[in-house]
């Protein structure tokens, strides 16, 4: 007989299949929001602010500057927040994880499946702002095919972060602290709406440790020209995803098993 591996693909696919079946019941509203929000941001910041105060940033049309930065916004809000709230609800209220773990599934496979599913959705949603920006004049390039890969790896890290937070908090209202103290600052200092080099030197150094900033730079590199340093950025995001994966497994093991 074939020995059971540490991470069985069939088990991971089965857990993801459950998530897919559930997602099919509400995918229309999610896709609508993911498509409509970039349009609103581009109209508000790109056409509104761009047409009156800012024409371009570093030689990039401001509409395109914002549109490419919105990829990171779509990724973080479609990975970290669903991971936090979804994991907490399924673990605490619905007891979904108790039912899954009653089958031949361990916590490592469960967390891995949840991370991959969240990352796949986020990678798809992250492409919507880029597609909308093309309607505003962004020229398509073959290197843009790397954007889903960049988004997927970043979403793995933030999905694991959300799962970890869900395993730490005791009440769902405590996610307000996480959103206010972590997600919002990372979102605002990611270079989405303004260049980081205009900030004080200390903030510029801190931004280098911001995963969203690294994603923004990777996306803009894919759209306007990649740089050798982008390989280092991607490697850093991949390392972060691996570390957060192990942290999420450890935290959820304590919550569900120990």
Protein backbone atom coordinates (compact mmCIF):
# COMPACT_ATOMS: atom_id res chain seq x y z
CA UNK A 1 0.00 0.00 0.00
CA UNK A 2 1.14 3.53 -0.69
CA UNK A 3 2.21 5.21 2.56
CA UNK A 4 0.32 8.29 3.70
CA UNK A 5 2.36 11.42 3.14
CA UNK A 6 2.65 14.45 5.35
CA UNK A 7 0.59 16.60 3.00
CA UNK A 8 -1.77 14.46 0.96
CA UNK A 9 -2.81 16.27 -2.26
CA UNK A 10 -6.14 14.42 -2.31
CA UNK A 11 -6.98 15.68 1.16
CA UNK A 12 -5.98 19.26 0.34
CA UNK A 13 -8.05 19.18 -2.85
CA UNK A 14 -11.01 17.80 -0.93
CA UNK A 15 -10.93 20.67 1.56
CA UNK A 16 -10.56 23.15 -1.29
CA UNK A 17 -13.46 21.47 -3.06
CA UNK A 18 -15.66 22.22 -0.09
CA UNK A 19 -14.62 25.87 -0.23
CA UNK A 20 -15.34 25.98 -3.95
CA UNK A 21 -18.82 24.53 -3.46
CA UNK A 22 -19.51 27.18 -0.84
CA UNK A 23 -18.04 29.97 -3.00
CA UNK A 24 -20.36 29.07 -5.88
CA UNK A 25 -23.30 30.27 -3.77
CA UNK A 26 -22.07 33.88 -3.48
CA UNK A 27 -19.44 34.39 -6.20
CA UNK A 28 -21.51 36.99 -8.11
CA UNK A 29 -21.47 39.57 -5.32
CA UNK A 30 -17.77 39.00 -4.68
CA UNK A 31 -16.81 39.40 -8.34
CA UNK A 32 -19.00 42.50 -8.65
CA UNK A 33 -17.31 44.16 -5.69
CA UNK A 34 -13.82 43.23 -6.90
CA UNK A 35 -14.57 44.72 -10.31
CA UNK A 36 -16.46 47.83 -9.23
CA UNK A 37 -14.10 49.00 -6.47
CA UNK A 38 -11.10 49.57 -8.80
CA UNK A 39 -13.31 51.68 -11.05
CA UNK A 40 -14.37 53.85 -8.11
CA UNK A 41 -10.77 54.29 -6.91
CA UNK A 42 -9.54 55.14 -10.39
CA UNK A 43 -12.30 57.67 -10.92
CA UNK A 44 -11.78 59.24 -7.50
CA UNK A 45 -7.99 59.32 -7.32
CA UNK A 46 -6.85 58.82 -10.89
CA UNK A 47 -9.21 61.07 -12.82
CA UNK A 48 -10.17 63.38 -9.96
CA UNK A 49 -6.83 64.01 -8.26
CA UNK A 50 -4.80 63.18 -11.35
CA UNK A 51 -6.58 65.66 -13.58
CA UNK A 52 -6.33 68.55 -11.10
CA UNK A 53 -3.16 68.18 -9.02
CA UNK A 54 -0.97 65.29 -10.21
CA UNK A 55 -0.38 64.56 -13.87
CA UNK A 56 2.25 61.84 -13.53
CA UNK A 57 4.56 60.20 -11.01
CA UNK A 58 8.11 59.33 -12.06
CA UNK A 59 7.02 59.54 -15.69
CA UNK A 60 3.99 57.27 -15.17
CA UNK A 61 0.51 58.62 -15.79
CA UNK A 62 -1.15 59.00 -12.38
CA UNK A 63 -4.18 56.92 -13.37
CA UNK A 64 -1.88 54.05 -14.28
CA UNK A 65 0.23 54.65 -11.17
CA UNK A 66 -2.82 54.22 -8.95
CA UNK A 67 -4.30 51.39 -11.00
CA UNK A 68 -1.21 49.23 -10.78
CA UNK A 69 -0.93 49.95 -7.06
CA UNK A 70 -4.52 48.87 -6.48
CA UNK A 71 -3.49 45.29 -7.23
CA UNK A 72 -1.90 45.11 -3.77
CA UNK A 73 -5.02 46.62 -2.22
CA UNK A 74 -7.22 43.99 -3.84
CA UNK A 75 -4.88 41.22 -2.72
CA UNK A 76 -4.67 42.19 0.95
CA UNK A 77 -8.38 42.83 1.37
CA UNK A 78 -9.32 39.59 -0.37
CA UNK A 79 -6.84 37.49 1.63
CA UNK A 80 -6.16 38.80 5.15
CA UNK A 81 -9.71 39.82 6.02
CA UNK A 82 -11.51 36.70 4.68
CA UNK A 83 -8.87 34.55 6.36
CA UNK A 84 -9.42 36.24 9.72
CA UNK A 85 -13.19 36.35 9.77
CA UNK A 86 -13.78 33.17 7.77
CA UNK A 87 -11.45 31.08 9.90
CA UNK A 88 -12.85 32.43 13.16
CA UNK A 89 -16.47 31.82 12.13
CA UNK A 90 -15.79 28.31 10.85
CA UNK A 91 -13.81 27.41 13.96
CA UNK A 92 -15.82 29.11 16.68
CA UNK A 93 -19.44 29.35 15.48
CA UNK A 94 -20.02 26.84 12.70
CA UNK A 95 -17.62 24.20 14.06
CA UNK A 96 -16.70 23.38 10.48
CA UNK A 97 -13.11 22.58 11.36
CA UNK A 98 -14.16 20.10 14.03
CA UNK A 99 -16.15 18.22 11.40
CA UNK A 100 -13.28 18.30 8.90
CA UNK A 101 -10.73 17.11 11.44
CA UNK A 102 -13.01 14.20 12.32
CA UNK A 103 -12.16 12.88 8.84
CA UNK A 104 -8.60 11.75 7.90
CA UNK A 105 -7.42 15.38 7.78
CA UNK A 106 -4.85 17.00 10.04
CA UNK A 107 -4.40 20.66 10.90
CA UNK A 108 -1.43 21.06 8.56
CA UNK A 109 -3.46 19.91 5.58
CA UNK A 110 -6.44 22.01 6.65
CA UNK A 111 -4.43 25.22 6.99
CA UNK A 112 -2.54 24.56 3.76
CA UNK A 113 -5.78 24.02 1.83
CA UNK A 114 -7.32 27.19 3.27
CA UNK A 115 -4.22 29.22 2.38
CA UNK A 116 -4.07 27.95 -1.19
CA UNK A 117 -7.78 28.55 -1.74
CA UNK A 118 -7.58 32.10 -0.39
CA UNK A 119 -4.45 32.80 -2.45
CA UNK A 120 -6.04 31.53 -5.66
CA UNK A 121 -9.03 33.82 -5.20
CA UNK A 122 -6.84 36.78 -4.31
CA UNK A 123 -4.59 36.22 -7.33
CA UNK A 124 -7.67 36.35 -9.56
CA UNK A 125 -9.12 39.41 -7.82
CA UNK A 126 -5.75 41.15 -8.00
CA UNK A 127 -5.94 41.05 -11.80
CA UNK A 128 -9.18 43.04 -11.91
CA UNK A 129 -7.59 46.45 -11.13
CA UNK A 130 -5.01 45.80 -13.83
CA UNK A 131 -7.70 44.96 -16.38
CA UNK A 132 -9.66 48.08 -15.45
CA UNK A 133 -6.51 50.19 -15.73
CA UNK A 134 -6.05 48.91 -19.29
CA UNK A 135 -9.33 50.61 -20.10
CA UNK A 136 -7.71 53.84 -18.91
CA UNK A 137 -4.74 53.51 -21.26
CA UNK A 138 -2.36 50.98 -19.68
CA UNK A 139 -0.56 49.08 -22.45
CA UNK A 140 -0.60 45.28 -21.99
CA UNK A 141 2.77 43.53 -21.83
CA UNK A 142 3.75 39.84 -21.68
CA UNK A 143 5.42 40.40 -18.30
CA UNK A 144 1.99 41.20 -16.84
CA UNK A 145 1.40 37.45 -16.79
CA UNK A 146 3.65 37.44 -13.73
CA UNK A 147 1.18 39.57 -11.76
CA UNK A 148 -1.02 36.60 -10.72
CA UNK A 149 2.12 34.80 -9.51
CA UNK A 150 3.22 37.79 -7.45
CA UNK A 151 -0.30 38.20 -6.07
CA UNK A 152 -0.61 34.49 -5.25
CA UNK A 153 2.58 34.40 -3.17
CA UNK A 154 1.68 37.62 -1.33
CA UNK A 155 -1.84 36.33 -0.66
CA UNK A 156 -0.38 33.14 0.80
CA UNK A 157 1.49 35.24 3.36
CA UNK A 158 -1.50 37.41 4.24
CA UNK A 159 -3.85 34.43 4.26
CA UNK A 160 -1.57 32.72 6.77
CA UNK A 161 -1.43 35.94 8.76
CA UNK A 162 -5.23 36.08 8.89
CA UNK A 163 -5.46 32.45 9.98
CA UNK A 164 -2.87 33.11 12.69
CA UNK A 165 -4.86 36.09 14.01
CA UNK A 166 -8.02 33.98 14.01
CA UNK A 167 -6.20 31.48 16.17
CA UNK A 168 -5.09 34.17 18.61
CA UNK A 169 -8.16 36.29 19.29
CA UNK A 170 -10.95 35.22 21.62
CA UNK A 171 -13.66 37.55 20.30
CA UNK A 172 -14.44 38.54 16.73
CA UNK A 173 -14.49 42.24 17.69
CA UNK A 174 -10.76 42.04 18.41
CA UNK A 175 -10.12 41.95 14.67
CA UNK A 176 -10.68 45.72 14.77
CA UNK A 177 -7.29 46.03 16.47
CA UNK A 178 -5.63 43.97 13.75
CA UNK A 179 -7.26 45.93 10.96
CA UNK A 180 -6.49 49.33 12.48
CA UNK A 181 -2.97 48.65 13.73
CA UNK A 182 -1.65 46.35 10.99
CA UNK A 183 -3.69 46.18 7.79
CA UNK A 184 -4.49 49.89 7.44
CA UNK A 185 -0.91 51.17 8.00
CA UNK A 186 0.47 48.59 5.56
CA UNK A 187 -2.17 49.63 3.02
CA UNK A 188 -1.50 53.35 3.38
CA UNK A 189 2.31 53.07 3.19
CA UNK A 190 2.46 50.71 0.23
CA UNK A 191 3.07 53.29 -2.47
CA UNK A 192 -0.37 52.82 -3.98
CA UNK A 193 -1.47 56.46 -4.11
CA UNK A 194 1.82 58.31 -3.67
CA UNK A 195 5.52 57.44 -4.08
CA UNK A 196 7.35 56.29 -0.98
CA UNK A 197 10.38 58.45 -1.72
CA UNK A 198 8.34 61.54 -0.78
CA UNK A 199 8.00 60.33 2.81
CA UNK A 200 10.46 61.00 5.68
CA UNK A 201 13.54 58.81 5.64
CA UNK A 202 12.37 56.66 8.53
CA UNK A 203 9.12 55.80 6.75
CA UNK A 204 11.05 54.96 3.59
CA UNK A 205 13.14 52.44 5.52
CA UNK A 206 10.04 50.96 7.19
CA UNK A 207 8.32 50.64 3.81
CA UNK A 208 11.04 48.27 2.65
CA UNK A 209 9.70 45.73 5.17
CA UNK A 210 6.12 46.20 3.98
CA UNK A 211 5.02 43.18 1.88
CA UNK A 212 2.40 45.28 0.13
CA UNK A 213 5.02 47.78 -0.97
CA UNK A 214 7.10 44.96 -2.40
CA UNK A 215 4.06 43.68 -4.28
CA UNK A 216 3.30 47.15 -5.64
CA UNK A 217 6.85 47.46 -6.92
CA UNK A 218 6.69 44.00 -8.51
CA UNK A 219 3.41 44.80 -10.26
CA UNK A 220 4.71 48.11 -11.56
CA UNK A 221 7.86 46.37 -12.68
CA UNK A 222 5.77 43.84 -14.61
CA UNK A 223 3.86 46.71 -16.23
CA UNK A 224 6.64 49.21 -16.92
CA UNK A 225 9.87 47.21 -16.81
CA UNK A 226 11.33 44.66 -14.42
CA UNK A 227 14.52 45.31 -12.48
CA UNK A 228 17.05 42.77 -11.11
CA UNK A 229 16.08 43.82 -7.58
CA UNK A 230 12.58 42.50 -8.26
CA UNK A 231 13.94 38.97 -7.94
CA UNK A 232 15.01 39.82 -4.40
CA UNK A 233 11.58 41.29 -3.68
CA UNK A 234 9.86 38.12 -4.86
CA UNK A 235 12.22 35.92 -2.88
CA UNK A 236 11.43 37.92 0.24
CA UNK A 237 7.68 37.50 -0.28
CA UNK A 238 8.13 33.78 -0.84
CA UNK A 239 10.16 33.44 2.37
CA UNK A 240 7.51 35.40 4.28
CA UNK A 241 4.78 33.10 2.96
CA UNK A 242 6.70 30.01 4.10
CA UNK A 243 7.34 31.42 7.58
CA UNK A 244 3.74 32.54 8.04
CA UNK A 245 2.53 29.13 6.82
CA UNK A 246 4.36 27.38 9.64
CA UNK A 247 3.23 29.98 12.18
CA UNK A 248 -0.41 29.58 11.11
CA UNK A 249 -0.19 25.78 11.41
CA UNK A 250 1.34 26.04 14.88
CA UNK A 251 -1.27 28.52 16.07
CA UNK A 252 -4.26 26.59 14.72
CA UNK A 253 -2.88 23.34 16.14
CA UNK A 254 -2.96 24.91 19.57
CA UNK A 255 -6.49 26.16 18.99
CA UNK A 256 -7.98 23.00 17.47
CA UNK A 257 -6.00 20.11 18.96
CA UNK A 258 -4.12 21.01 22.12
